[in-house]
C-alpha atoms as a PDB file:
ATOM      1  CA  UNK A   1      82.933  92.427  98.151  1.00  0.00           C
ATOM      2  CA  UNK A   2      86.631  92.962  98.742  1.00  0.00           C
ATOM      3  CA  UNK A   3      88.754  91.007 101.162  1.00  0.00           C
ATOM      4  CA  UNK A   4      88.946  93.988 103.475  1.00  0.00           C
ATOM      5  CA  UNK A   5      85.170  93.887 103.980  1.00  0.00           C
ATOM      6  CA  UNK A   6      85.094  90.303 105.290  1.00  0.00           C
ATOM      7  CA  UNK A   7      84.147  90.337 108.983  1.00  0.00           C
ATOM      8  CA  UNK A   8      86.424  88.550 111.451  1.00  0.00           C
ATOM      9  CA  UNK A   9      83.677  86.087 112.310  1.00  0.00           C
ATOM     10  CA  UNK A  10      82.884  85.133 108.698  1.00  0.00           C
ATOM     11  CA  UNK A  11      83.277  81.376 108.285  1.00  0.00           C
ATOM     12  CA  UNK A  12      85.387  79.986 105.452  1.00  0.00           C
ATOM     13  CA  UNK A  13      85.011  76.446 104.090  1.00  0.00           C
ATOM     14  CA  UNK A  14      87.111  74.788 101.395  1.00  0.00           C
ATOM     15  CA  UNK A  15      84.945  73.787  98.437  1.00  0.00           C
ATOM     16  CA  UNK A  16      87.557  72.232  96.179  1.00  0.00           C
ATOM     17  CA  UNK A  17      91.262  71.592  95.968  1.00  0.00           C
ATOM     18  CA  UNK A  18      93.514  71.652  92.969  1.00  0.00           C
ATOM     19  CA  UNK A  19      96.315  73.578  91.357  1.00  0.00           C
ATOM     20  CA  UNK A  20      95.854  77.301  91.793  1.00  0.00           C
ATOM     21  CA  UNK A  21      98.802  78.385  89.715  1.00  0.00           C
ATOM     22  CA  UNK A  22      99.408  81.389  91.960  1.00  0.00           C
ATOM     23  CA  UNK A  23     102.766  80.302  93.295  1.00  0.00           C
ATOM     24  CA  UNK A  24     101.639  81.395  96.763  1.00  0.00           C
ATOM     25  CA  UNK A  25     101.914  78.603  99.338  1.00  0.00           C
ATOM     26  CA  UNK A  26      99.716  80.652 101.685  1.00  0.00           C
ATOM     27  CA  UNK A  27      96.713  79.823  99.505  1.00  0.00           C
ATOM     28  CA  UNK A  28      97.328  76.102 100.058  1.00  0.00           C
ATOM     29  CA  UNK A  29      97.640  76.685 103.806  1.00  0.00           C
ATOM     30  CA  UNK A  30      94.261  78.433 103.886  1.00  0.00           C
ATOM     31  CA  UNK A  31      92.654  75.602 101.904  1.00  0.00           C
ATOM     32  CA  UNK A  32      94.060  72.986 104.284  1.00  0.00           C
ATOM     33  CA  UNK A  33      92.966  74.906 107.390  1.00  0.00           C
ATOM     34  CA  UNK A  34      89.464  75.503 106.043  1.00  0.00           C
ATOM     35  CA  UNK A  35      88.733  71.848 105.253  1.00  0.00           C
ATOM     36  CA  UNK A  36      86.559  72.336 108.329  1.00  0.00           C
ATOM     37  CA  UNK A  37      84.912  75.733 108.750  1.00  0.00           C
ATOM     38  CA  UNK A  38      87.199  78.381 110.210  1.00  0.00           C
ATOM     39  CA  UNK A  39      86.617  82.080 110.808  1.00  0.00           C
ATOM     40  CA  UNK A  40      88.779  84.785 109.267  1.00  0.00           C
ATOM     41  CA  UNK A  41      90.157  85.385 112.783  1.00  0.00           C
ATOM     42  CA  UNK A  42      91.085  81.700 113.086  1.00  0.00           C
ATOM     43  CA  UNK A  43      92.787  81.680 109.688  1.00  0.00           C
ATOM     44  CA  UNK A  44      94.815  84.703 110.748  1.00  0.00           C
ATOM     45  CA  UNK A  45      95.765  83.222 114.114  1.00  0.00           C
ATOM     46  CA  UNK A  46      96.551  79.675 113.011  1.00  0.00           C
ATOM     47  CA  UNK A  47      98.638  80.799 110.043  1.00  0.00           C
ATOM     48  CA  UNK A  48     100.283  83.597 112.042  1.00  0.00           C
ATOM     49  CA  UNK A  49      99.496  86.303 109.538  1.00  0.00           C
ATOM     50  CA  UNK A  50      97.872  89.718 109.858  1.00  0.00           C
ATOM     51  CA  UNK A  51      94.079  89.747 109.584  1.00  0.00           C
ATOM     52  CA  UNK A  52      94.270  91.904 106.461  1.00  0.00           C
ATOM     53  CA  UNK A  53      96.442  89.323 104.719  1.00  0.00           C
ATOM     54  CA  UNK A  54      94.082  86.499 105.726  1.00  0.00           C
ATOM     55  CA  UNK A  55      91.133  88.460 104.369  1.00  0.00           C
ATOM     56  CA  UNK A  56      92.849  89.038 101.033  1.00  0.00           C
ATOM     57  CA  UNK A  57      93.890  85.386 100.675  1.00  0.00           C
ATOM     58  CA  UNK A  58      90.349  84.220 101.468  1.00  0.00           C
ATOM     59  CA  UNK A  59      88.884  86.746  99.009  1.00  0.00           C
ATOM     60  CA  UNK A  60      91.293  85.492  96.315  1.00  0.00           C
ATOM     61  CA  UNK A  61      90.250  81.884  96.924  1.00  0.00           C
ATOM     62  CA  UNK A  62      86.576  82.799  97.015  1.00  0.00           C
ATOM     63  CA  UNK A  63      86.823  84.634  93.693  1.00  0.00           C
ATOM     64  CA  UNK A  64      88.009  81.453  91.951  1.00  0.00           C
ATOM     65  CA  UNK A  65      85.554  79.153  93.758  1.00  0.00           C
ATOM     66  CA  UNK A  66      87.992  77.309  96.014  1.00  0.00           C
ATOM     67  CA  UNK A  67      86.317  78.449  99.242  1.00  0.00           C
ATOM     68  CA  UNK A  68      82.880  79.580 100.352  1.00  0.00           C
ATOM     69  CA  UNK A  69      82.524  82.447 102.781  1.00  0.00           C
ATOM     70  CA  UNK A  70      79.515  82.450 105.070  1.00  0.00           C
ATOM     71  CA  UNK A  71      78.953  85.793 106.663  1.00  0.00           C
ATOM     72  CA  UNK A  72      77.095  85.969 109.959  1.00  0.00           C
ATOM     73  CA  UNK A  73      73.341  86.315 109.674  1.00  0.00           C
ATOM     74  CA  UNK A  74      71.465  88.616 112.008  1.00  0.00           C
ATOM     75  CA  UNK A  75      72.769  90.732 114.814  1.00  0.00           C
ATOM     76  CA  UNK A  76      73.539  87.987 117.329  1.00  0.00           C
ATOM     77  CA  UNK A  77      76.319  85.491 116.608  1.00  0.00           C
ATOM     78  CA  UNK A  78      76.114  82.185 118.442  1.00  0.00           C
ATOM     79  CA  UNK A  79      78.077  81.587 121.609  1.00  0.00           C
ATOM     80  CA  UNK A  80      80.037  78.788 119.920  1.00  0.00           C
ATOM     81  CA  UNK A  81      81.082  81.120 117.108  1.00  0.00           C
ATOM     82  CA  UNK A  82      82.155  83.826 119.543  1.00  0.00           C
ATOM     83  CA  UNK A  83      84.202  81.299 121.514  1.00  0.00           C
ATOM     84  CA  UNK A  84      85.960  80.133 118.319  1.00  0.00           C
ATOM     85  CA  UNK A  85      86.717  83.720 117.283  1.00  0.00           C
ATOM     86  CA  UNK A  86      87.982  84.530 120.778  1.00  0.00           C
ATOM     87  CA  UNK A  87      90.185  81.445 120.738  1.00  0.00           C
ATOM     88  CA  UNK A  88      91.595  82.475 117.372  1.00  0.00           C
ATOM     89  CA  UNK A  89      92.311  85.982 118.623  1.00  0.00           C
ATOM     90  CA  UNK A  90      94.034  84.640 121.739  1.00  0.00           C
ATOM     91  CA  UNK A  91      96.314  82.644 119.445  1.00  0.00           C
ATOM     92  CA  UNK A  92      97.533  85.862 117.853  1.00  0.00           C
END
């Protein structure tokens, strides 16, 4: 799965921290934000970056095992999840 396929409501959780060696401070920002689960939309909003960039950063971190991505299951997301995504989008 590429970063561009990650849905906005997919939840991201930091699994481990450590030196990435990428030289990209944005990766560290994503790891810090996702210490508690955050959606792709929230990552984008809180870090003030385009959704596409957030998706790519999360995909990079997932590929090396620094974050887990939990995609929504079923057709109906929970109300709490929708409220968090909406809040993240309003922050944009």
